[in-house]
C-alpha atoms as a PDB file:
ATOM      1  CA  MET A   1      -5.851 -39.850  28.111  1.00  0.00           C
ATOM      2  CA  LYS A   2      -2.407 -40.561  26.580  1.00  0.00           C
ATOM      3  CA  LEU A   3      -2.356 -41.256  22.893  1.00  0.00           C
ATOM      4  CA  LYS A   4      -0.818 -44.604  21.974  1.00  0.00           C
ATOM      5  CA  TRP A   5      -0.063 -46.232  18.702  1.00  0.00           C
ATOM      6  CA  SER A   6       2.695 -48.257  16.953  1.00  0.00           C
ATOM      7  CA  ILE A   7       4.929 -47.684  14.038  1.00  0.00           C
ATOM      8  CA  ILE A   8       6.255 -50.272  11.603  1.00  0.00           C
ATOM      9  CA  LEU A   9      10.008 -50.412  10.938  1.00  0.00           C
ATOM     10  CA  LEU A  10      12.133 -52.844   9.080  1.00  0.00           C
ATOM     11  CA  LEU A  11      12.735 -54.427  12.440  1.00  0.00           C
ATOM     12  CA  GLY A  12       9.074 -55.096  12.971  1.00  0.00           C
ATOM     13  CA  VAL A  13       6.468 -53.402  15.160  1.00  0.00           C
ATOM     14  CA  ILE A  14       7.909 -51.277  17.955  1.00  0.00           C
ATOM     15  CA  PRO A  15       5.289 -49.779  20.216  1.00  0.00           C
ATOM     16  CA  PHE A  16       5.779 -46.335  21.547  1.00  0.00           C
ATOM     17  CA  SER A  17       3.684 -43.459  22.798  1.00  0.00           C
ATOM     18  CA  VAL A  18       3.472 -39.767  22.262  1.00  0.00           C
ATOM     19  CA  ASN A  19       2.158 -37.965  25.312  1.00  0.00           C
ATOM     20  CA  ALA A  20       0.230 -34.732  25.358  1.00  0.00           C
ATOM     21  CA  GLN A  21       3.371 -32.885  26.282  1.00  0.00           C
ATOM     22  CA  LYS A  22       6.695 -33.075  24.441  1.00  0.00           C
ATOM     23  CA  LEU A  23       9.848 -32.550  26.360  1.00  0.00           C
ATOM     24  CA  SER A  24      12.268 -30.134  24.761  1.00  0.00           C
ATOM     25  CA  PHE A  25      15.569 -28.511  25.533  1.00  0.00           C
ATOM     26  CA  LYS A  26      15.206 -24.945  26.723  1.00  0.00           C
ATOM     27  CA  LYS A  27      16.330 -21.999  24.519  1.00  0.00           C
ATOM     28  CA  ASP A  28      19.725 -22.002  26.274  1.00  0.00           C
ATOM     29  CA  GLY A  29      20.250 -25.611  25.074  1.00  0.00           C
ATOM     30  CA  THR A  30      19.958 -27.273  28.504  1.00  0.00           C
ATOM     31  CA  PHE A  31      17.594 -29.729  30.133  1.00  0.00           C
ATOM     32  CA  LYS A  32      17.689 -30.317  33.872  1.00  0.00           C
ATOM     33  CA  ILE A  33      16.591 -33.631  35.569  1.00  0.00           C
ATOM     34  CA  VAL A  34      16.284 -34.159  39.311  1.00  0.00           C
ATOM     35  CA  GLN A  35      16.348 -37.752  40.569  1.00  0.00           C
ATOM     36  CA  PHE A  36      14.588 -38.803  43.794  1.00  0.00           C
ATOM     37  CA  THR A  37      15.349 -42.298  44.938  1.00  0.00           C
ATOM     38  CA  ASP A  38      14.556 -44.602  47.808  1.00  0.00           C
ATOM     39  CA  THR A  39      12.258 -42.147  49.625  1.00  0.00           C
ATOM     40  CA  HIS A  40      10.681 -45.112  51.442  1.00  0.00           C
ATOM     41  CA  TYR A  41       7.735 -42.868  52.147  1.00  0.00           C
ATOM     42  CA  LYS A  42       5.105 -43.993  54.663  1.00  0.00           C
ATOM     43  CA  HIS A  43       2.016 -41.818  54.600  1.00  0.00           C
ATOM     44  CA  GLY A  44       1.137 -40.534  58.047  1.00  0.00           C
ATOM     45  CA  ASP A  45       4.575 -41.355  59.534  1.00  0.00           C
ATOM     46  CA  MET A  46       6.040 -38.088  60.833  1.00  0.00           C
ATOM     47  CA  LYS A  47       9.571 -39.286  60.004  1.00  0.00           C
ATOM     48  CA  SER A  48       8.527 -39.210  56.315  1.00  0.00           C
ATOM     49  CA  ASP A  49       7.641 -35.523  56.483  1.00  0.00           C
ATOM     50  CA  THR A  50      11.298 -34.725  55.900  1.00  0.00           C
ATOM     51  CA  THR A  51      11.088 -36.513  52.565  1.00  0.00           C
ATOM     52  CA  LEU A  52       8.284 -34.164  51.545  1.00  0.00           C
ATOM     53  CA  LEU A  53      10.288 -31.216  52.717  1.00  0.00           C
ATOM     54  CA  LEU A  54      13.179 -32.357  50.573  1.00  0.00           C
ATOM     55  CA  ILE A  55      11.010 -32.629  47.492  1.00  0.00           C
ATOM     56  CA  SER A  56       9.559 -29.168  47.934  1.00  0.00           C
ATOM     57  CA  ARG A  57      12.836 -27.473  48.695  1.00  0.00           C
ATOM     58  CA  VAL A  58      14.783 -29.072  45.832  1.00  0.00           C
ATOM     59  CA  LEU A  59      12.071 -28.419  43.305  1.00  0.00           C
ATOM     60  CA  ASP A  60      11.932 -24.717  44.233  1.00  0.00           C
ATOM     61  CA  ALA A  61      15.729 -24.393  44.271  1.00  0.00           C
ATOM     62  CA  GLU A  62      16.615 -26.329  41.140  1.00  0.00           C
ATOM     63  CA  LYS A  63      13.487 -25.688  38.985  1.00  0.00           C
ATOM     64  CA  PRO A  64      14.048 -28.855  36.933  1.00  0.00           C
ATOM     65  CA  ASP A  65      12.567 -29.606  33.520  1.00  0.00           C
ATOM     66  CA  MET A  66      11.891 -33.190  34.552  1.00  0.00           C
ATOM     67  CA  VAL A  67      11.818 -35.360  37.714  1.00  0.00           C
ATOM     68  CA  VAL A  68      12.560 -39.091  37.826  1.00  0.00           C
ATOM     69  CA  PHE A  69      11.723 -41.280  40.813  1.00  0.00           C
ATOM     70  CA  THR A  70      13.953 -44.354  40.774  1.00  0.00           C
ATOM     71  CA  GLY A  71      12.249 -46.909  42.962  1.00  0.00           C
ATOM     72  CA  ASP A  72      11.393 -47.801  46.548  1.00  0.00           C
ATOM     73  CA  ILE A  73       9.334 -44.641  46.717  1.00  0.00           C
ATOM     74  CA  VAL A  74       6.151 -45.585  48.714  1.00  0.00           C
ATOM     75  CA  THR A  75       6.827 -48.439  51.099  1.00  0.00           C
ATOM     76  CA  GLY A  76       3.923 -48.124  53.502  1.00  0.00           C
ATOM     77  CA  ARG A  77       0.171 -48.221  53.469  1.00  0.00           C
ATOM     78  CA  PRO A  78      -2.106 -46.569  52.299  1.00  0.00           C
ATOM     79  CA  VAL A  79      -0.309 -46.839  48.956  1.00  0.00           C
ATOM     80  CA  ARG A  80      -2.453 -44.538  46.799  1.00  0.00           C
ATOM     81  CA  GLU A  81      -2.380 -41.730  49.407  1.00  0.00           C
ATOM     82  CA  GLY A  82       1.373 -42.162  49.652  1.00  0.00           C
ATOM     83  CA  TRP A  83       1.874 -41.691  45.899  1.00  0.00           C
ATOM     84  CA  ASP A  84      -0.533 -38.742  45.959  1.00  0.00           C
ATOM     85  CA  ALA A  85       1.614 -37.087  48.657  1.00  0.00           C
ATOM     86  CA  VAL A  86       4.923 -37.676  46.951  1.00  0.00           C
ATOM     87  CA  THR A  87       3.839 -36.600  43.470  1.00  0.00           C
ATOM     88  CA  LYS A  88       1.785 -33.618  44.621  1.00  0.00           C
ATOM     89  CA  PHE A  89       4.734 -31.273  44.757  1.00  0.00           C
ATOM     90  CA  VAL A  90       5.742 -32.208  41.218  1.00  0.00           C
ATOM     91  CA  ILE A  91       2.237 -31.995  39.802  1.00  0.00           C
ATOM     92  CA  ASP A  92       1.465 -28.674  41.531  1.00  0.00           C
ATOM     93  CA  ARG A  93       4.510 -27.141  39.851  1.00  0.00           C
ATOM     94  CA  LYS A  94       3.524 -28.709  36.516  1.00  0.00           C
ATOM     95  CA  ILE A  95       6.824 -30.599  36.128  1.00  0.00           C
ATOM     96  CA  PRO A  96       6.825 -33.627  33.885  1.00  0.00           C
ATOM     97  CA  PHE A  97       7.929 -36.773  35.807  1.00  0.00           C
ATOM     98  CA  ALA A  98       8.686 -40.401  35.251  1.00  0.00           C
ATOM     99  CA  VAL A  99       8.900 -43.399  37.647  1.00  0.00           C
ATOM    100  CA  THR A 100      10.854 -46.582  37.709  1.00  0.00           C
ATOM    101  CA  LEU A 101       9.911 -49.113  40.378  1.00  0.00           C
ATOM    102  CA  GLY A 102      12.203 -50.718  42.930  1.00  0.00           C
ATOM    103  CA  ASN A 103      12.134 -54.025  44.791  1.00  0.00           C
ATOM    104  CA  HIS A 104       9.949 -52.812  47.673  1.00  0.00           C
ATOM    105  CA  ASP A 105       7.208 -50.700  45.939  1.00  0.00           C
ATOM    106  CA  HIS A 106       4.906 -53.638  45.422  1.00  0.00           C
ATOM    107  CA  GLU A 107       5.128 -55.099  48.915  1.00  0.00           C
ATOM    108  CA  GLN A 108       2.185 -53.175  50.373  1.00  0.00           C
ATOM    109  CA  GLY A 109      -0.741 -55.206  49.088  1.00  0.00           C
ATOM    110  CA  VAL A 110      -0.593 -53.883  45.535  1.00  0.00           C
ATOM    111  CA  THR A 111       0.989 -55.337  42.378  1.00  0.00           C
ATOM    112  CA  ARG A 112       3.448 -53.560  40.112  1.00  0.00           C
ATOM    113  CA  GLU A 113       0.718 -53.357  37.490  1.00  0.00           C
ATOM    114  CA  GLU A 114      -1.619 -51.619  39.963  1.00  0.00           C
ATOM    115  CA  ILE A 115       1.035 -49.129  40.859  1.00  0.00           C
ATOM    116  CA  ALA A 116       1.682 -48.448  37.187  1.00  0.00           C
ATOM    117  CA  ASP A 117      -2.035 -47.713  36.695  1.00  0.00           C
ATOM    118  CA  ILE A 118      -1.911 -45.257  39.602  1.00  0.00           C
ATOM    119  CA  ILE A 119       1.200 -43.482  38.262  1.00  0.00           C
ATOM    120  CA  THR A 120       0.210 -43.186  34.598  1.00  0.00           C
ATOM    121  CA  ASP A 121      -3.189 -41.692  35.603  1.00  0.00           C
ATOM    122  CA  TYR A 122      -1.471 -38.634  37.147  1.00  0.00           C
ATOM    123  CA  PRO A 123      -1.316 -35.389  35.272  1.00  0.00           C
ATOM    124  CA  PHE A 124       2.284 -34.592  34.091  1.00  0.00           C
ATOM    125  CA  ASN A 125       3.362 -38.201  34.289  1.00  0.00           C
ATOM    126  CA  ILE A 126       5.169 -39.183  31.119  1.00  0.00           C
ATOM    127  CA  ASN A 127       5.379 -42.936  31.607  1.00  0.00           C
ATOM    128  CA  ARG A 128       3.283 -45.242  29.604  1.00  0.00           C
ATOM    129  CA  LEU A 129       1.838 -48.637  30.480  1.00  0.00           C
ATOM    130  CA  SER A 130       4.097 -51.323  29.037  1.00  0.00           C
ATOM    131  CA  GLU A 131       5.208 -54.827  29.836  1.00  0.00           C
ATOM    132  CA  VAL A 132       8.247 -55.531  27.721  1.00  0.00           C
ATOM    133  CA  SER A 133       9.072 -58.435  30.032  1.00  0.00           C
ATOM    134  CA  ARG A 134       6.675 -60.422  32.251  1.00  0.00           C
ATOM    135  CA  GLY A 135       6.173 -58.704  35.557  1.00  0.00           C
ATOM    136  CA  ARG A 136       8.093 -55.553  34.627  1.00  0.00           C
ATOM    137  CA  VAL A 137       6.163 -52.239  34.075  1.00  0.00           C
ATOM    138  CA  MET A 138       6.803 -48.924  32.523  1.00  0.00           C
ATOM    139  CA  ASP A 139       9.827 -49.797  30.452  1.00  0.00           C
ATOM    140  CA  ASN A 140       9.846 -46.595  28.427  1.00  0.00           C
ATOM    141  CA  VAL A 141      11.986 -44.519  26.153  1.00  0.00           C
ATOM    142  CA  ILE A 142      11.223 -40.755  26.391  1.00  0.00           C
ATOM    143  CA  PRO A 143      12.497 -38.533  23.589  1.00  0.00           C
ATOM    144  CA  LEU A 144      13.769 -34.975  24.272  1.00  0.00           C
ATOM    145  CA  TYR A 145      13.201 -32.596  21.395  1.00  0.00           C
ATOM    146  CA  SER A 146      15.289 -29.796  20.054  1.00  0.00           C
ATOM    147  CA  SER A 147      14.950 -26.262  21.336  1.00  0.00           C
ATOM    148  CA  GLN A 148      14.415 -24.804  17.872  1.00  0.00           C
ATOM    149  CA  LYS A 149      11.740 -25.520  15.267  1.00  0.00           C
ATOM    150  CA  PRO A 150      11.272 -27.693  13.385  1.00  0.00           C
ATOM    151  CA  LEU A 151      11.351 -29.928  16.502  1.00  0.00           C
ATOM    152  CA  LYS A 152      13.421 -33.061  16.112  1.00  0.00           C
ATOM    153  CA  GLU A 153      14.517 -35.771  18.515  1.00  0.00           C
ATOM    154  CA  ALA A 154      17.718 -34.549  20.213  1.00  0.00           C
ATOM    155  CA  ALA A 155      18.258 -36.916  23.233  1.00  0.00           C
ATOM    156  CA  LEU A 156      16.656 -39.893  24.926  1.00  0.00           C
ATOM    157  CA  ILE A 157      15.742 -40.864  28.491  1.00  0.00           C
ATOM    158  CA  TYR A 158      15.372 -44.644  29.105  1.00  0.00           C
ATOM    159  CA  CYS A 159      13.406 -45.939  32.088  1.00  0.00           C
ATOM    160  CA  PHE A 160      13.784 -49.585  33.068  1.00  0.00           C
ATOM    161  CA  ASP A 161      12.076 -51.786  35.606  1.00  0.00           C
ATOM    162  CA  THR A 162      14.779 -53.888  37.282  1.00  0.00           C
ATOM    163  CA  GLY A 163      12.353 -56.112  39.135  1.00  0.00           C
ATOM    164  CA  ALA A 164      12.802 -57.276  42.658  1.00  0.00           C
ATOM    165  CA  TYR A 165      14.463 -60.659  43.600  1.00  0.00           C
ATOM    166  CA  SER A 166      15.873 -63.622  41.704  1.00  0.00           C
ATOM    167  CA  THR A 167      13.213 -66.092  40.512  1.00  0.00           C
ATOM    168  CA  ILE A 168      15.741 -68.795  39.532  1.00  0.00           C
ATOM    169  CA  GLU A 169      16.222 -71.591  42.009  1.00  0.00           C
ATOM    170  CA  GLY A 170      19.753 -71.641  43.425  1.00  0.00           C
ATOM    171  CA  VAL A 171      20.429 -68.001  42.450  1.00  0.00           C
ATOM    172  CA  ASN A 172      20.133 -65.634  45.408  1.00  0.00           C
ATOM    173  CA  GLY A 173      19.827 -61.941  45.632  1.00  0.00           C
ATOM    174  CA  TYR A 174      18.239 -59.313  43.378  1.00  0.00           C
ATOM    175  CA  ASP A 175      16.789 -59.482  39.892  1.00  0.00           C
ATOM    176  CA  TRP A 176      18.410 -58.460  36.659  1.00  0.00           C
ATOM    177  CA  MET A 177      17.543 -56.940  33.311  1.00  0.00           C
ATOM    178  CA  THR A 178      15.865 -59.648  31.275  1.00  0.00           C
ATOM    179  CA  THR A 179      16.743 -60.708  27.770  1.00  0.00           C
ATOM    180  CA  ASP A 180      13.439 -59.228  26.627  1.00  0.00           C
ATOM    181  CA  GLN A 181      14.298 -55.859  28.138  1.00  0.00           C
ATOM    182  CA  ILE A 182      17.696 -55.880  26.531  1.00  0.00           C
ATOM    183  CA  GLN A 183      16.241 -56.802  23.116  1.00  0.00           C
ATOM    184  CA  TRP A 184      13.668 -54.035  23.494  1.00  0.00           C
ATOM    185  CA  TYR A 185      16.360 -51.524  24.383  1.00  0.00           C
ATOM    186  CA  ARG A 186      18.447 -52.468  21.336  1.00  0.00           C
ATOM    187  CA  GLU A 187      15.414 -52.113  19.086  1.00  0.00           C
ATOM    188  CA  GLN A 188      14.562 -48.668  20.478  1.00  0.00           C
ATOM    189  CA  SER A 189      18.132 -47.494  20.329  1.00  0.00           C
ATOM    190  CA  LEU A 190      18.465 -48.680  16.658  1.00  0.00           C
ATOM    191  CA  HIS A 191      15.146 -47.062  15.777  1.00  0.00           C
ATOM    192  CA  TYR A 192      16.197 -43.615  16.996  1.00  0.00           C
ATOM    193  CA  THR A 193      19.710 -44.041  15.574  1.00  0.00           C
ATOM    194  CA  ILE A 194      18.277 -44.653  12.104  1.00  0.00           C
ATOM    195  CA  ARG A 195      15.999 -41.618  12.435  1.00  0.00           C
ATOM    196  CA  ASN A 196      19.104 -39.504  13.388  1.00  0.00           C
ATOM    197  CA  ASN A 197      20.974 -40.331  10.177  1.00  0.00           C
ATOM    198  CA  PHE A 198      22.531 -43.348  11.668  1.00  0.00           C
ATOM    199  CA  GLN A 199      24.091 -41.433  14.600  1.00  0.00           C
ATOM    200  CA  PRO A 200      23.182 -42.573  18.097  1.00  0.00           C
ATOM    201  CA  LEU A 201      21.350 -39.909  20.112  1.00  0.00           C
ATOM    202  CA  PRO A 202      22.795 -38.881  23.450  1.00  0.00           C
ATOM    203  CA  ALA A 203      20.880 -40.868  26.103  1.00  0.00           C
ATOM    204  CA  LEU A 204      20.592 -41.426  29.819  1.00  0.00           C
ATOM    205  CA  ALA A 205      19.079 -44.472  31.541  1.00  0.00           C
ATOM    206  CA  TYR A 206      17.280 -44.488  34.905  1.00  0.00           C
ATOM    207  CA  PHE A 207      16.546 -47.672  36.948  1.00  0.00           C
ATOM    208  CA  HIS A 208      16.670 -48.979  40.541  1.00  0.00           C
ATOM    209  CA  ILE A 209      19.134 -51.837  40.981  1.00  0.00           C
ATOM    210  CA  ALA A 210      22.724 -51.231  39.941  1.00  0.00           C
ATOM    211  CA  LEU A 211      24.362 -53.279  37.193  1.00  0.00           C
ATOM    212  CA  PRO A 212      27.166 -55.669  38.217  1.00  0.00           C
ATOM    213  CA  GLU A 213      29.562 -53.323  36.348  1.00  0.00           C
ATOM    214  CA  TYR A 214      29.134 -50.659  39.144  1.00  0.00           C
ATOM    215  CA  ARG A 215      31.247 -52.748  41.575  1.00  0.00           C
ATOM    216  CA  LEU A 216      33.846 -53.591  38.871  1.00  0.00           C
ATOM    217  CA  ALA A 217      34.095 -49.946  37.937  1.00  0.00           C
ATOM    218  CA  PHE A 218      34.589 -48.548  41.423  1.00  0.00           C
ATOM    219  CA  ASN A 219      37.032 -51.290  42.373  1.00  0.00           C
ATOM    220  CA  ASP A 220      39.317 -50.409  39.444  1.00  0.00           C
ATOM    221  CA  GLU A 221      41.440 -47.529  40.699  1.00  0.00           C
ATOM    222  CA  LYS A 222      42.217 -46.498  37.127  1.00  0.00           C
ATOM    223  CA  ASN A 223      38.660 -45.276  36.772  1.00  0.00           C
ATOM    224  CA  VAL A 224      37.871 -41.711  37.709  1.00  0.00           C
ATOM    225  CA  ARG A 225      35.161 -41.449  40.280  1.00  0.00           C
ATOM    226  CA  TYR A 226      33.477 -38.780  42.484  1.00  0.00           C
ATOM    227  CA  GLY A 227      31.285 -39.291  45.514  1.00  0.00           C
ATOM    228  CA  GLU A 228      31.232 -41.960  48.085  1.00  0.00           C
ATOM    229  CA  ARG A 229      30.808 -45.711  48.488  1.00  0.00           C
ATOM    230  CA  LYS A 230      29.774 -46.520  52.066  1.00  0.00           C
ATOM    231  CA  GLU A 231      28.312 -49.980  51.458  1.00  0.00           C
ATOM    232  CA  ASP A 232      28.951 -52.825  49.159  1.00  0.00           C
ATOM    233  CA  GLU A 233      26.944 -52.633  45.935  1.00  0.00           C
ATOM    234  CA  CYS A 234      23.936 -55.015  45.757  1.00  0.00           C
ATOM    235  CA  PRO A 235      23.676 -55.826  42.043  1.00  0.00           C
ATOM    236  CA  PRO A 236      22.205 -59.160  40.789  1.00  0.00           C
ATOM    237  CA  GLU A 237      24.419 -62.173  41.064  1.00  0.00           C
ATOM    238  CA  LEU A 238      23.945 -62.868  37.397  1.00  0.00           C
ATOM    239  CA  ASN A 239      25.037 -60.431  34.638  1.00  0.00           C
ATOM    240  CA  SER A 240      22.539 -60.547  31.797  1.00  0.00           C
ATOM    241  CA  GLY A 241      24.493 -58.112  29.570  1.00  0.00           C
ATOM    242  CA  MET A 242      22.671 -54.785  29.548  1.00  0.00           C
ATOM    243  CA  PHE A 243      25.917 -52.793  30.007  1.00  0.00           C
ATOM    244  CA  LEU A 244      27.521 -54.500  27.028  1.00  0.00           C
ATOM    245  CA  SER A 245      24.468 -53.732  24.931  1.00  0.00           C
ATOM    246  CA  MET A 246      24.550 -50.092  25.902  1.00  0.00           C
ATOM    247  CA  ARG A 247      28.199 -49.933  24.981  1.00  0.00           C
ATOM    248  CA  GLU A 248      27.550 -51.612  21.615  1.00  0.00           C
ATOM    249  CA  MET A 249      24.625 -49.377  20.776  1.00  0.00           C
ATOM    250  CA  GLY A 250      26.576 -46.241  21.649  1.00  0.00           C
ATOM    251  CA  ASP A 251      23.760 -44.004  22.835  1.00  0.00           C
ATOM    252  CA  VAL A 252      23.722 -44.225  26.620  1.00  0.00           C
ATOM    253  CA  MET A 253      26.203 -41.766  28.251  1.00  0.00           C
ATOM    254  CA  GLY A 254      25.226 -42.463  31.809  1.00  0.00           C
ATOM    255  CA  THR A 255      23.082 -44.683  34.070  1.00  0.00           C
ATOM    256  CA  PHE A 256      21.443 -43.541  37.286  1.00  0.00           C
ATOM    257  CA  VAL A 257      20.257 -45.912  40.049  1.00  0.00           C
ATOM    258  CA  GLY A 258      19.360 -46.077  43.743  1.00  0.00           C
ATOM    259  CA  HIS A 259      18.889 -49.184  45.942  1.00  0.00           C
ATOM    260  CA  ASP A 260      22.208 -48.899  47.833  1.00  0.00           C
ATOM    261  CA  HIS A 261      21.253 -46.118  50.195  1.00  0.00           C
ATOM    262  CA  VAL A 262      24.644 -44.797  51.293  1.00  0.00           C
ATOM    263  CA  ASN A 263      26.335 -44.845  47.913  1.00  0.00           C
ATOM    264  CA  ASP A 264      26.270 -41.666  45.850  1.00  0.00           C
ATOM    265  CA  TYR A 265      29.232 -41.951  43.541  1.00  0.00           C
ATOM    266  CA  ILE A 266      29.633 -41.564  39.828  1.00  0.00           C
ATOM    267  CA  VAL A 267      32.410 -43.458  38.000  1.00  0.00           C
ATOM    268  CA  ASN A 268      33.499 -43.658  34.365  1.00  0.00           C
ATOM    269  CA  TYR A 269      33.567 -47.172  32.998  1.00  0.00           C
ATOM    270  CA  HIS A 270      34.453 -47.856  29.340  1.00  0.00           C
ATOM    271  CA  GLY A 271      32.902 -44.590  28.234  1.00  0.00           C
ATOM    272  CA  ILE A 272      29.678 -44.771  30.283  1.00  0.00           C
ATOM    273  CA  ALA A 273      29.149 -42.942  33.512  1.00  0.00           C
ATOM    274  CA  LEU A 274      27.737 -45.254  36.243  1.00  0.00           C
ATOM    275  CA  ALA A 275      26.074 -43.146  38.847  1.00  0.00           C
ATOM    276  CA  TYR A 276      23.988 -43.421  41.981  1.00  0.00           C
ATOM    277  CA  GLY A 277      21.436 -40.826  42.918  1.00  0.00           C
ATOM    278  CA  HIS A 278      21.337 -39.789  46.545  1.00  0.00           C
ATOM    279  CA  PHE A 279      19.092 -41.395  49.217  1.00  0.00           C
ATOM    280  CA  SER A 280      15.982 -39.182  49.359  1.00  0.00           C
ATOM    281  CA  GLY A 281      14.174 -40.765  52.357  1.00  0.00           C
ATOM    282  CA  TRP A 282      14.742 -40.156  56.006  1.00  0.00           C
ATOM    283  CA  LYS A 283      14.860 -42.125  59.296  1.00  0.00           C
ATOM    284  CA  THR A 284      12.253 -44.626  58.274  1.00  0.00           C
ATOM    285  CA  THR A 285      15.092 -46.933  57.082  1.00  0.00           C
ATOM    286  CA  TYR A 286      18.602 -47.774  58.339  1.00  0.00           C
ATOM    287  CA  THR A 287      20.214 -44.812  56.616  1.00  0.00           C
ATOM    288  CA  PRO A 288      21.800 -42.231  58.887  1.00  0.00           C
ATOM    289  CA  GLU A 289      22.738 -39.844  56.128  1.00  0.00           C
ATOM    290  CA  ILE A 290      21.082 -36.495  55.384  1.00  0.00           C
ATOM    291  CA  ASN A 291      18.814 -36.927  52.388  1.00  0.00           C
ATOM    292  CA  GLY A 292      19.273 -35.420  48.998  1.00  0.00           C
ATOM    293  CA  VAL A 293      18.991 -35.812  45.194  1.00  0.00           C
ATOM    294  CA  ARG A 294      21.127 -36.070  42.083  1.00  0.00           C
ATOM    295  CA  VAL A 295      20.806 -33.342  39.476  1.00  0.00           C
ATOM    296  CA  VAL A 296      21.758 -33.789  35.808  1.00  0.00           C
ATOM    297  CA  VAL A 297      21.872 -31.131  33.142  1.00  0.00           C
ATOM    298  CA  LEU A 298      21.917 -32.364  29.564  1.00  0.00           C
ATOM    299  CA  LYS A 299      23.356 -30.090  26.801  1.00  0.00           C
ATOM    300  CA  GLU A 300      21.704 -30.040  23.377  1.00  0.00           C
ATOM    301  CA  GLY A 301      23.721 -31.395  20.520  1.00  0.00           C
ATOM    302  CA  LYS A 302      26.527 -32.588  22.820  1.00  0.00           C
ATOM    303  CA  ARG A 303      27.420 -35.973  24.305  1.00  0.00           C
ATOM    304  CA  GLU A 304      28.036 -34.489  27.739  1.00  0.00           C
ATOM    305  CA  PHE A 305      26.278 -33.477  30.881  1.00  0.00           C
ATOM    306  CA  ASP A 306      26.804 -31.735  34.199  1.00  0.00           C
ATOM    307  CA  THR A 307      25.812 -33.372  37.501  1.00  0.00           C
ATOM    308  CA  TRP A 308      25.846 -32.712  41.242  1.00  0.00           C
ATOM    309  CA  LEU A 309      24.277 -33.744  44.537  1.00  0.00           C
ATOM    310  CA  HIS A 310      21.840 -31.359  46.276  1.00  0.00           C
ATOM    311  CA  LEU A 311      21.219 -32.119  49.925  1.00  0.00           C
ATOM    312  CA  LEU A 312      18.292 -31.191  52.166  1.00  0.00           C
ATOM    313  CA  ASP A 313      20.319 -28.432  53.935  1.00  0.00           C
ATOM    314  CA  GLY A 314      21.156 -26.815  50.632  1.00  0.00           C
ATOM    315  CA  THR A 315      24.675 -28.286  50.355  1.00  0.00           C
ATOM    316  CA  ILE A 316      25.828 -28.924  46.773  1.00  0.00           C
ATOM    317  CA  ARG A 317      28.409 -31.720  46.453  1.00  0.00           C
ATOM    318  CA  ASP A 318      30.554 -33.242  43.792  1.00  0.00           C
ATOM    319  CA  LYS A 319      29.607 -30.923  40.890  1.00  0.00           C
ATOM    320  CA  VAL A 320      31.305 -32.331  37.802  1.00  0.00           C
ATOM    321  CA  SER A 321      31.099 -32.416  34.036  1.00  0.00           C
ATOM    322  CA  TYR A 322      31.012 -35.658  32.069  1.00  0.00           C
ATOM    323  CA  PRO A 323      33.166 -36.651  30.261  1.00  0.00           C
ATOM    324  CA  ALA A 324      35.513 -33.677  30.625  1.00  0.00           C
ATOM    325  CA  GLU A 325      36.404 -34.348  34.256  1.00  0.00           C
ATOM    326  CA  PHE A 326      36.585 -38.148  33.952  1.00  0.00           C
ATOM    327  CA  THR A 327      39.638 -38.550  31.802  1.00  0.00           C
ATOM    328  CA  ASN A 328      42.594 -40.211  33.525  1.00  0.00           C
ATOM    329  CA  PRO A 329      45.693 -38.124  32.805  1.00  0.00           C
ATOM    330  CA  GLY A 330      47.890 -41.082  33.689  1.00  0.00           C
ATOM    331  CA  LYS A 331      46.596 -43.200  30.832  1.00  0.00           C
END
């Protein structure tokens, strides 16, 4: 069972958890994350077997230190057996993993809370049960520790639940980060900044639905981008201000989402990399593309990371370093 408690700061009580395993940079100062997104896995559907093949191949090839599933993972019944199948490859390899839910995960006769109970019960899962905002689950901040003793917090991984669909009458489309989630993020960021001698820790954020700034960033030709946009972004119609908060707090270097299946770009926007993963499902949805993942390698003590796309057939695409390869020489 995961150990949970709360600490008291000048800001008030901020709940957090320390899991049985602490994530640390390796001795070479790197930490590798593989992101699977939109697998749309349906247990027993032969078309979904390719998703399982992708997971197995990528884990063996990349040997990540952590895996993040960013929503729309199991979209068919039976749900528990689906999650068992998808996570088995990670658990068998003893790789710590986190999950953020999408807009379809809870549409198979289970609630988001019930899915969270399933996920947090798995060995090697590093989420914790939380409900920062009503109906959102597993909003977590996961610290990465230094490679050398004494261990200290060296970087952060944020996981956010972006919900499903708008609940405000007259506002169509997808849901947005709530004011409660934004306030929680600001409190966590400040907490770790204070602990780090008032210097923001390098951080990444993983969630499902893109922020409205994704579209703005890609449309501005002055911004350096890699990868492809093959469909219009589907962010919420309302902008609740999470990107602004991330820019103000100064810790998040990059955000990583899914949702829009045939987008896999990464673009620099006001000093934050806005990135898609790569569609990890197969022909159970409308997507004709070969499936794949996004890989990110953090570097200890530096506000930078390397990233690339790894496809099912072994192809490596768009391998770049942030921020070094995102400066615009014309500016």
